[in-house]
Amino acid sequence: MKLKLIFSGCLFIAVTGSTTAAFCQTKKTVKTVTKVSTITVSKADIAAGQLLVSKSDCVGCHSVNNKMVGPAYVTIAQTYPMTDANVTALSQKIISGGSGKWGQVPMTPHPAITSPDAKKIVKYILSLNTK
């Protein structure tokens, strides 16, 4: 659900010279606020995701608590809330790879990981958010 908030303000400009003039100009700013709905994840999905991570090459670049080549899983979990949109986007990132958000070293694509398995991996990682 998106809410639009409109803020109005007044800007005064004084012109100096032989005469002084002032006028008011109203400026409107529109800010969009998106409501985030978190999802509930089963313990079975979290356990399956943890098992998939342990059997993959993920541990070569990531760890649970410490930054290695890539960010720590806990840091990822603190950055992204557990939402359907984030689970989908991050699972696609696992499959397609890429760089930018966490630095210049690209994450290797993992095209052999299926979308359902990638989503289980993401759910495990996001479940580590202890905030």
N, C-alpha and C. Protein backbone atom coordinates (compact mmCIF):
# COMPACT_ATOMS: atom_id res chain seq x y z
N MET A 1 0.85 -1.16 0.00
CA MET A 1 0.00 0.00 0.00
C MET A 1 0.90 1.22 0.00
N LYS A 2 0.66 2.17 -0.89
CA LYS A 2 1.45 3.38 -0.97
C LYS A 2 0.63 4.56 -0.49
N LEU A 3 1.24 5.39 0.33
CA LEU A 3 0.62 6.60 0.83
C LEU A 3 1.38 7.79 0.27
N LYS A 4 0.69 8.82 -0.13
CA LYS A 4 1.35 10.01 -0.60
C LYS A 4 1.16 11.12 0.41
N LEU A 5 2.27 11.69 0.85
CA LEU A 5 2.24 12.78 1.79
C LEU A 5 2.68 14.04 1.07
N ILE A 6 1.96 15.12 1.25
CA ILE A 6 2.29 16.37 0.58
C ILE A 6 2.69 17.40 1.63
N PHE A 7 3.87 17.98 1.45
CA PHE A 7 4.37 18.99 2.35
C PHE A 7 4.39 20.32 1.61
N SER A 8 3.87 21.35 2.22
CA SER A 8 3.88 22.67 1.61
C SER A 8 4.76 23.58 2.45
N GLY A 9 5.46 24.43 1.80
CA GLY A 9 6.29 25.39 2.50
C GLY A 9 6.26 26.70 1.75
N CYS A 10 6.77 27.72 2.36
CA CYS A 10 6.75 29.03 1.75
C CYS A 10 8.19 29.52 1.62
N LEU A 11 8.55 30.02 0.48
CA LEU A 11 9.88 30.52 0.21
C LEU A 11 9.78 32.02 -0.02
N PHE A 12 10.51 32.79 0.77
CA PHE A 12 10.47 34.24 0.62
C PHE A 12 11.75 34.70 -0.06
N ILE A 13 11.59 35.55 -1.04
CA ILE A 13 12.73 36.09 -1.76
C ILE A 13 12.64 37.61 -1.70
N ALA A 14 13.70 38.24 -1.25
CA ALA A 14 13.73 39.70 -1.18
C ALA A 14 14.63 40.21 -2.29
N VAL A 15 14.16 41.21 -3.01
CA VAL A 15 14.93 41.80 -4.09
C VAL A 15 15.35 43.19 -3.61
N THR A 16 16.65 43.45 -3.61
CA THR A 16 17.11 44.75 -3.15
C THR A 16 17.54 45.60 -4.33
N GLY A 17 17.64 46.86 -4.14
CA GLY A 17 17.96 47.82 -5.19
C GLY A 17 17.25 49.11 -4.84
N SER A 18 16.71 49.78 -5.85
CA SER A 18 16.00 51.01 -5.55
C SER A 18 14.68 50.73 -4.84
N THR A 19 14.13 49.51 -5.04
CA THR A 19 12.91 49.11 -4.32
C THR A 19 13.13 47.73 -3.72
N THR A 20 12.39 47.41 -2.70
CA THR A 20 12.47 46.10 -2.08
C THR A 20 11.14 45.41 -2.30
N ALA A 21 11.19 44.19 -2.78
CA ALA A 21 9.98 43.43 -3.01
C ALA A 21 10.13 42.06 -2.38
N ALA A 22 9.04 41.53 -1.96
CA ALA A 22 9.06 40.17 -1.41
C ALA A 22 7.82 39.45 -1.90
N PHE A 23 7.93 38.19 -2.16
CA PHE A 23 6.77 37.42 -2.57
C PHE A 23 6.90 36.01 -2.02
N CYS A 24 5.81 35.33 -2.00
CA CYS A 24 5.78 33.98 -1.45
C CYS A 24 5.52 33.00 -2.58
N GLN A 25 6.34 32.00 -2.65
CA GLN A 25 6.16 30.94 -3.63
C GLN A 25 5.96 29.65 -2.85
N THR A 26 4.90 28.94 -3.16
CA THR A 26 4.62 27.68 -2.47
C THR A 26 5.27 26.54 -3.24
N LYS A 27 5.98 25.71 -2.53
CA LYS A 27 6.66 24.57 -3.12
C LYS A 27 6.04 23.31 -2.53
N LYS A 28 5.62 22.38 -3.35
CA LYS A 28 5.03 21.13 -2.87
C LYS A 28 6.01 19.98 -3.12
N THR A 29 6.19 19.19 -2.10
CA THR A 29 7.03 18.01 -2.20
C THR A 29 6.16 16.80 -1.95
N VAL A 30 6.25 15.81 -2.83
CA VAL A 30 5.48 14.59 -2.67
C VAL A 30 6.43 13.48 -2.28
N LYS A 31 6.11 12.81 -1.19
CA LYS A 31 6.93 11.71 -0.70
C LYS A 31 6.06 10.46 -0.69
N THR A 32 6.56 9.38 -1.28
CA THR A 32 5.83 8.12 -1.31
C THR A 32 6.36 7.22 -0.21
N VAL A 33 5.45 6.72 0.60
CA VAL A 33 5.80 5.80 1.68
C VAL A 33 5.19 4.45 1.35
N THR A 34 6.02 3.42 1.35
CA THR A 34 5.55 2.08 1.03
C THR A 34 5.49 1.26 2.31
N LYS A 35 4.34 0.65 2.55
CA LYS A 35 4.17 -0.22 3.71
C LYS A 35 4.80 -1.57 3.38
N VAL A 36 5.62 -2.07 4.27
CA VAL A 36 6.32 -3.34 4.07
C VAL A 36 5.62 -4.41 4.90
N SER A 37 5.21 -5.48 4.24
CA SER A 37 4.59 -6.61 4.94
C SER A 37 5.61 -7.72 5.07
N THR A 38 5.93 -8.06 6.29
CA THR A 38 6.88 -9.15 6.50
C THR A 38 6.14 -10.47 6.38
N ILE A 39 6.90 -11.51 6.07
CA ILE A 39 6.31 -12.84 5.92
C ILE A 39 6.82 -13.74 7.03
N THR A 40 6.07 -14.77 7.31
CA THR A 40 6.48 -15.77 8.29
C THR A 40 7.08 -16.95 7.54
N VAL A 41 8.18 -17.43 8.05
CA VAL A 41 8.90 -18.53 7.40
C VAL A 41 8.93 -19.72 8.36
N SER A 42 8.71 -20.88 7.80
CA SER A 42 8.70 -22.09 8.64
C SER A 42 10.12 -22.49 9.04
N LYS A 43 10.21 -23.18 10.15
CA LYS A 43 11.50 -23.70 10.60
C LYS A 43 12.07 -24.69 9.60
N ALA A 44 11.18 -25.41 8.91
CA ALA A 44 11.63 -26.37 7.89
C ALA A 44 12.32 -25.67 6.73
N ASP A 45 11.76 -24.53 6.28
CA ASP A 45 12.39 -23.76 5.20
C ASP A 45 13.75 -23.22 5.63
N ILE A 46 13.82 -22.73 6.87
CA ILE A 46 15.09 -22.20 7.39
C ILE A 46 16.13 -23.31 7.46
N ALA A 47 15.75 -24.47 7.98
CA ALA A 47 16.68 -25.61 8.07
C ALA A 47 17.12 -26.08 6.68
N ALA A 48 16.18 -26.10 5.74
CA ALA A 48 16.51 -26.51 4.37
C ALA A 48 17.49 -25.52 3.74
N GLY A 49 17.25 -24.23 3.97
CA GLY A 49 18.15 -23.20 3.44
C GLY A 49 19.53 -23.30 4.03
N GLN A 50 19.61 -23.55 5.33
CA GLN A 50 20.91 -23.70 5.99
C GLN A 50 21.67 -24.90 5.44
N LEU A 51 20.97 -25.99 5.19
CA LEU A 51 21.59 -27.18 4.61
C LEU A 51 22.09 -26.89 3.20
N LEU A 52 21.29 -26.20 2.40
CA LEU A 52 21.70 -25.86 1.04
C LEU A 52 22.95 -24.98 1.05
N VAL A 53 23.01 -24.02 1.97
CA VAL A 53 24.19 -23.15 2.07
C VAL A 53 25.42 -23.97 2.43
N SER A 54 25.28 -24.88 3.39
CA SER A 54 26.43 -25.67 3.84
C SER A 54 26.98 -26.58 2.76
N LYS A 55 26.13 -26.97 1.80
CA LYS A 55 26.56 -27.85 0.71
C LYS A 55 26.99 -27.08 -0.54
N SER A 56 26.90 -25.76 -0.49
CA SER A 56 27.21 -24.97 -1.69
C SER A 56 28.58 -24.29 -1.56
N ASP A 57 28.92 -23.52 -2.57
CA ASP A 57 30.17 -22.77 -2.54
C ASP A 57 30.00 -21.41 -1.86
N CYS A 58 28.83 -21.13 -1.30
CA CYS A 58 28.55 -19.84 -0.63
C CYS A 58 29.55 -19.56 0.48
N VAL A 59 29.93 -20.62 1.22
CA VAL A 59 30.81 -20.46 2.38
C VAL A 59 32.22 -20.03 1.98
N GLY A 60 32.54 -20.09 0.72
CA GLY A 60 33.84 -19.62 0.26
C GLY A 60 33.96 -18.10 0.28
N CYS A 61 32.83 -17.42 0.21
CA CYS A 61 32.83 -15.95 0.17
C CYS A 61 32.03 -15.30 1.29
N HIS A 62 31.19 -16.07 1.97
CA HIS A 62 30.33 -15.52 3.03
C HIS A 62 30.47 -16.34 4.31
N SER A 63 30.27 -15.66 5.44
CA SER A 63 30.15 -16.36 6.71
C SER A 63 28.95 -15.76 7.44
N VAL A 64 28.56 -16.37 8.51
CA VAL A 64 27.38 -15.90 9.24
C VAL A 64 27.63 -14.54 9.85
N ASN A 65 28.75 -14.36 10.55
CA ASN A 65 28.96 -13.14 11.32
C ASN A 65 30.03 -12.19 10.81
N ASN A 66 30.93 -12.66 9.94
CA ASN A 66 32.05 -11.82 9.52
C ASN A 66 32.09 -11.60 8.02
N LYS A 67 32.44 -10.37 7.63
CA LYS A 67 32.61 -10.07 6.21
C LYS A 67 33.83 -10.83 5.70
N MET A 68 33.66 -11.45 4.56
CA MET A 68 34.78 -12.10 3.89
C MET A 68 34.91 -11.40 2.54
N VAL A 69 34.85 -12.13 1.47
CA VAL A 69 34.80 -11.52 0.14
C VAL A 69 33.46 -10.80 -0.02
N GLY A 70 32.40 -11.47 0.44
CA GLY A 70 31.06 -10.88 0.43
C GLY A 70 30.64 -10.54 1.85
N PRO A 71 29.49 -9.91 1.98
CA PRO A 71 29.02 -9.51 3.30
C PRO A 71 28.63 -10.70 4.17
N ALA A 72 28.65 -10.49 5.47
CA ALA A 72 28.19 -11.51 6.42
C ALA A 72 26.69 -11.70 6.26
N TYR A 73 26.22 -12.89 6.48
CA TYR A 73 24.78 -13.16 6.37
C TYR A 73 23.98 -12.28 7.34
N VAL A 74 24.52 -12.05 8.52
CA VAL A 74 23.82 -11.22 9.50
C VAL A 74 23.66 -9.79 8.97
N THR A 75 24.66 -9.28 8.31
CA THR A 75 24.59 -7.93 7.73
C THR A 75 23.52 -7.87 6.65
N ILE A 76 23.45 -8.90 5.83
CA ILE A 76 22.41 -8.96 4.79
C ILE A 76 21.03 -8.99 5.46
N ALA A 77 20.91 -9.81 6.50
CA ALA A 77 19.63 -9.94 7.20
C ALA A 77 19.20 -8.63 7.86
N GLN A 78 20.14 -7.86 8.35
CA GLN A 78 19.82 -6.58 8.97
C GLN A 78 19.48 -5.51 7.93
N THR A 79 19.89 -5.73 6.70
CA THR A 79 19.63 -4.76 5.63
C THR A 79 18.28 -4.99 4.96
N TYR A 80 17.90 -6.24 4.82
CA TYR A 80 16.66 -6.59 4.11
C TYR A 80 15.64 -7.22 5.04
N PRO A 81 14.46 -6.62 5.18
CA PRO A 81 13.40 -7.28 5.96
C PRO A 81 12.92 -8.55 5.25
N MET A 82 12.34 -9.45 5.99
CA MET A 82 11.82 -10.71 5.44
C MET A 82 10.48 -10.41 4.75
N THR A 83 10.55 -10.04 3.48
CA THR A 83 9.35 -9.78 2.69
C THR A 83 9.39 -10.65 1.44
N ASP A 84 8.22 -10.87 0.84
CA ASP A 84 8.18 -11.63 -0.42
C ASP A 84 9.05 -10.96 -1.49
N ALA A 85 8.98 -9.64 -1.56
CA ALA A 85 9.75 -8.91 -2.58
C ALA A 85 11.25 -9.11 -2.38
N ASN A 86 11.73 -9.02 -1.15
CA ASN A 86 13.16 -9.21 -0.89
C ASN A 86 13.59 -10.65 -1.11
N VAL A 87 12.76 -11.60 -0.72
CA VAL A 87 13.10 -13.02 -0.95
C VAL A 87 13.23 -13.28 -2.44
N THR A 88 12.30 -12.76 -3.22
CA THR A 88 12.35 -12.95 -4.67
C THR A 88 13.56 -12.26 -5.29
N ALA A 89 13.80 -11.00 -4.93
CA ALA A 89 14.92 -10.24 -5.51
C ALA A 89 16.26 -10.86 -5.15
N LEU A 90 16.44 -11.22 -3.89
CA LEU A 90 17.72 -11.79 -3.47
C LEU A 90 17.93 -13.20 -4.03
N SER A 91 16.87 -13.97 -4.18
CA SER A 91 17.03 -15.30 -4.77
C SER A 91 17.45 -15.17 -6.24
N GLN A 92 16.91 -14.17 -6.93
CA GLN A 92 17.33 -13.91 -8.32
C GLN A 92 18.79 -13.48 -8.37
N LYS A 93 19.22 -12.71 -7.36
CA LYS A 93 20.61 -12.26 -7.31
C LYS A 93 21.55 -13.45 -7.11
N ILE A 94 21.12 -14.43 -6.31
CA ILE A 94 21.93 -15.65 -6.13
C ILE A 94 22.09 -16.37 -7.46
N ILE A 95 21.01 -16.48 -8.19
CA ILE A 95 21.02 -17.21 -9.46
C ILE A 95 21.79 -16.47 -10.54
N SER A 96 21.57 -15.15 -10.66
CA SER A 96 22.18 -14.39 -11.75
C SER A 96 23.52 -13.75 -11.39
N GLY A 97 23.83 -13.63 -10.09
CA GLY A 97 25.09 -13.00 -9.68
C GLY A 97 25.03 -11.50 -9.86
N GLY A 98 26.17 -10.84 -9.70
CA GLY A 98 26.25 -9.40 -9.90
C GLY A 98 27.07 -8.71 -8.83
N SER A 99 27.15 -7.39 -8.95
CA SER A 99 27.91 -6.60 -7.97
C SER A 99 27.28 -5.24 -7.82
N GLY A 100 27.83 -4.48 -6.88
CA GLY A 100 27.38 -3.11 -6.71
C GLY A 100 26.94 -2.78 -5.31
N LYS A 101 26.02 -3.51 -4.75
CA LYS A 101 25.46 -3.20 -3.43
C LYS A 101 26.50 -3.36 -2.32
N TRP A 102 27.33 -4.37 -2.41
CA TRP A 102 28.26 -4.69 -1.33
C TRP A 102 29.72 -4.48 -1.73
N GLY A 103 29.95 -3.86 -2.85
CA GLY A 103 31.33 -3.62 -3.28
C GLY A 103 31.51 -4.00 -4.74
N GLN A 104 32.73 -3.91 -5.19
CA GLN A 104 33.02 -4.11 -6.60
C GLN A 104 33.28 -5.57 -6.98
N VAL A 105 33.54 -6.44 -6.02
CA VAL A 105 33.79 -7.84 -6.34
C VAL A 105 32.45 -8.50 -6.67
N PRO A 106 32.30 -8.99 -7.90
CA PRO A 106 31.01 -9.58 -8.28
C PRO A 106 30.76 -10.93 -7.62
N MET A 107 29.48 -11.16 -7.33
CA MET A 107 29.10 -12.48 -6.84
C MET A 107 28.94 -13.38 -8.07
N THR A 108 29.49 -14.55 -7.98
CA THR A 108 29.41 -15.52 -9.07
C THR A 108 27.96 -15.95 -9.28
N PRO A 109 27.50 -16.03 -10.53
CA PRO A 109 26.15 -16.55 -10.76
C PRO A 109 26.07 -18.03 -10.40
N HIS A 110 24.88 -18.45 -9.99
CA HIS A 110 24.64 -19.84 -9.64
C HIS A 110 23.42 -20.35 -10.41
N PRO A 111 23.54 -20.49 -11.74
CA PRO A 111 22.38 -20.88 -12.55
C PRO A 111 21.87 -22.29 -12.26
N ALA A 112 22.68 -23.13 -11.62
CA ALA A 112 22.24 -24.49 -11.31
C ALA A 112 21.32 -24.54 -10.08
N ILE A 113 21.30 -23.46 -9.30
CA ILE A 113 20.42 -23.42 -8.14
C ILE A 113 19.02 -23.05 -8.63
N THR A 114 18.05 -23.85 -8.26
CA THR A 114 16.68 -23.59 -8.70
C THR A 114 16.11 -22.41 -7.91
N SER A 115 15.09 -21.80 -8.45
CA SER A 115 14.45 -20.67 -7.78
C SER A 115 13.90 -21.06 -6.40
N PRO A 116 13.21 -22.21 -6.26
CA PRO A 116 12.73 -22.59 -4.92
C PRO A 116 13.88 -22.79 -3.92
N ASP A 117 14.99 -23.39 -4.36
CA ASP A 117 16.13 -23.57 -3.46
C ASP A 117 16.78 -22.23 -3.11
N ALA A 118 16.90 -21.35 -4.08
CA ALA A 118 17.46 -20.01 -3.82
C ALA A 118 16.60 -19.26 -2.80
N LYS A 119 15.29 -19.42 -2.89
CA LYS A 119 14.39 -18.77 -1.93
C LYS A 119 14.57 -19.35 -0.53
N LYS A 120 14.81 -20.64 -0.42
CA LYS A 120 15.07 -21.25 0.88
C LYS A 120 16.38 -20.71 1.47
N ILE A 121 17.39 -20.56 0.63
CA ILE A 121 18.67 -19.99 1.07
C ILE A 121 18.45 -18.58 1.60
N VAL A 122 17.70 -17.77 0.86
CA VAL A 122 17.44 -16.39 1.27
C VAL A 122 16.65 -16.35 2.57
N LYS A 123 15.65 -17.20 2.69
CA LYS A 123 14.87 -17.24 3.93
C LYS A 123 15.74 -17.59 5.13
N TYR A 124 16.67 -18.52 4.93
CA TYR A 124 17.61 -18.85 6.01
C TYR A 124 18.44 -17.61 6.36
N ILE A 125 19.02 -16.97 5.36
CA ILE A 125 19.88 -15.80 5.61
C ILE A 125 19.09 -14.70 6.31
N LEU A 126 17.91 -14.38 5.82
CA LEU A 126 17.12 -13.29 6.42
C LEU A 126 16.62 -13.64 7.80
N SER A 127 16.52 -14.93 8.11
CA SER A 127 16.08 -15.34 9.44
C SER A 127 17.13 -15.03 10.51
N LEU A 128 18.34 -14.71 10.09
CA LEU A 128 19.42 -14.42 11.02
C LEU A 128 19.36 -13.01 11.61
N ASN A 129 18.38 -12.23 11.18
CA ASN A 129 18.23 -10.86 11.71
C ASN A 129 17.77 -10.94 13.16
N THR A 130 18.63 -10.50 14.06
CA THR A 130 18.30 -10.54 15.48
C THR A 130 17.94 -9.17 16.04
N LYS A 131 17.78 -8.19 15.17
CA LYS A 131 17.40 -6.84 15.61
C LYS A 131 16.01 -6.84 16.17
